[in-house]
Amino acid sequence: AAFQELDRIGLANVRAHNAEMLRRLGANLCGVPDLTVFEDEEAAVAFLTFQHAHVSADAIVGEMAANGIAIASVGLDYARWELEARGLTKIVRVAPHIYTTDHDIGRFTEELMRLAKRA
């Protein structure tokens, strides 16, 4: 079913949509205090990773899940070389998909901003 949906939408359309959502997300995340984004949204990645200086990755993931927003954390068991090179043990990863909307990006940003301000 997923391949049929991809065929209907078109791979180029999916890539273009997701790239635009990542661009908007990256631009929004720049406004969150004490947040560091690690990916370059211009590098054709499928996700952005970030960390907050005062809120743990697990706390961010948990808070977002409590608000119906699905994101993930990535630890040393999954990305050891990348994380150790940056002196990190865990980061947050967010990946928009073809059904992600501007509203979703805005809501994610608002929830993250609210969490960051509480820290």
Protein backbone atom coordinates (compact mmCIF):
# COMPACT_ATOMS: atom_id res chain seq x y z
CA ALA A 1 0.00 0.00 0.00
CA ALA A 2 2.86 2.38 0.84
CA PHE A 3 4.49 1.80 -2.54
CA GLN A 4 1.18 2.37 -4.31
CA GLU A 5 0.77 5.66 -2.45
CA LEU A 6 4.34 6.67 -3.34
CA ASP A 7 3.68 5.81 -6.97
CA ARG A 8 0.49 7.90 -6.90
CA ILE A 9 2.18 10.94 -5.33
CA GLY A 10 5.51 10.58 -7.11
CA LEU A 11 8.94 10.28 -5.54
CA ALA A 12 10.03 13.71 -6.80
CA ASN A 13 6.98 15.30 -5.18
CA VAL A 14 7.68 13.55 -1.88
CA ARG A 15 11.31 14.67 -1.92
CA ALA A 16 10.38 18.26 -2.77
CA HIS A 17 7.69 18.41 -0.09
CA ASN A 18 9.91 16.94 2.61
CA ALA A 19 12.80 19.22 1.67
CA GLU A 20 10.52 22.25 2.00
CA MET A 21 9.18 21.06 5.35
CA LEU A 22 12.77 20.56 6.58
CA ARG A 23 13.71 24.04 5.37
CA ARG A 24 10.78 25.58 7.27
CA LEU A 25 11.48 23.48 10.33
CA GLY A 26 15.16 24.45 10.34
CA ALA A 27 14.26 28.12 10.00
CA ASN A 28 11.82 27.85 12.92
CA LEU A 29 14.26 25.99 15.14
CA CYS A 30 16.78 28.81 14.79
CA GLY A 31 14.43 30.88 16.93
CA VAL A 32 14.34 28.45 19.87
CA PRO A 33 16.62 29.65 22.68
CA ASP A 34 19.55 27.39 23.63
CA LEU A 35 18.85 24.95 20.78
CA THR A 36 21.59 23.63 18.50
CA VAL A 37 20.61 22.12 15.14
CA PHE A 38 23.19 19.71 13.75
CA GLU A 39 22.00 19.06 10.20
CA ASP A 40 22.31 21.40 7.28
CA GLU A 41 18.82 21.46 5.78
CA GLU A 42 20.40 22.22 2.40
CA ALA A 43 22.26 18.87 2.41
CA ALA A 44 19.31 16.72 1.19
CA VAL A 45 18.82 14.99 4.53
CA ALA A 46 15.56 13.32 5.53
CA PHE A 47 15.59 14.64 9.09
CA LEU A 48 17.01 17.26 11.43
CA THR A 49 18.78 16.49 14.67
CA PHE A 50 19.16 18.88 17.54
CA GLN A 51 19.77 19.25 21.24
CA HIS A 52 18.76 21.77 23.84
CA ALA A 53 21.31 23.08 26.33
CA HIS A 54 18.99 22.64 29.32
CA VAL A 55 16.38 20.02 28.34
CA SER A 56 17.40 16.41 27.78
CA ALA A 57 16.58 14.58 24.57
CA ASP A 58 14.41 12.12 26.50
CA ALA A 59 12.48 14.96 28.15
CA ILE A 60 11.86 16.61 24.77
CA VAL A 61 10.68 13.33 23.20
CA GLY A 62 8.47 12.57 26.20
CA GLU A 63 6.90 16.03 26.29
CA MET A 64 6.23 15.95 22.57
CA ALA A 65 4.69 12.46 22.82
CA ALA A 66 2.41 13.70 25.60
CA ASN A 67 1.22 16.35 23.15
CA GLY A 68 0.66 13.90 20.29
CA ILE A 69 3.85 14.72 18.39
CA ALA A 70 6.03 11.78 17.36
CA ILE A 71 9.79 12.38 17.33
CA ALA A 72 12.73 10.24 18.42
CA SER A 73 15.97 10.42 20.30
CA VAL A 74 19.14 8.84 18.99
CA GLY A 75 21.86 7.64 21.32
CA LEU A 76 25.32 6.17 21.16
CA ASP A 77 23.98 2.73 20.28
CA TYR A 78 22.67 4.12 16.99
CA ALA A 79 25.09 6.89 16.03
CA ARG A 80 28.21 6.41 18.15
CA TRP A 81 30.80 7.96 15.82
CA GLU A 82 28.74 11.02 14.99
CA LEU A 83 27.77 11.69 18.59
CA GLU A 84 31.16 11.00 20.14
CA ALA A 85 32.80 13.30 17.60
CA ARG A 86 30.52 16.08 18.90
CA GLY A 87 30.91 15.14 22.56
CA LEU A 88 27.26 14.10 22.81
CA THR A 89 25.47 11.03 24.15
CA LYS A 90 21.96 11.60 22.78
CA ILE A 91 20.19 13.94 20.35
CA VAL A 92 16.63 14.52 19.18
CA ARG A 93 15.66 13.61 15.63
CA VAL A 94 12.64 14.95 13.79
CA ALA A 95 11.59 13.81 10.32
CA PRO A 96 8.71 15.35 8.40
CA HIS A 97 6.89 13.21 5.85
CA ILE A 98 4.59 13.75 2.89
CA TYR A 99 1.60 14.37 5.16
CA THR A 100 3.37 16.97 7.32
CA THR A 101 1.75 20.39 6.97
CA ASP A 102 2.75 23.96 7.77
CA HIS A 103 0.39 23.67 10.74
CA ASP A 104 2.33 20.63 11.99
CA ILE A 105 5.64 22.49 11.71
CA GLY A 106 4.16 25.48 13.54
CA ARG A 107 2.68 23.34 16.29
CA PHE A 108 5.95 21.46 16.76
CA THR A 109 7.84 24.74 16.99
CA GLU A 110 5.35 26.20 19.48
CA GLU A 111 5.54 23.14 21.73
CA LEU A 112 9.34 23.11 21.61
CA MET A 113 9.48 26.84 22.33
CA ARG A 114 7.13 26.40 25.29
CA LEU A 115 9.29 23.59 26.65
CA ALA A 116 12.49 25.60 26.14
CA LYS A 117 11.06 28.61 27.97
CA ARG A 118 10.15 26.44 30.96
CA ALA A 119 13.76 25.22 31.25
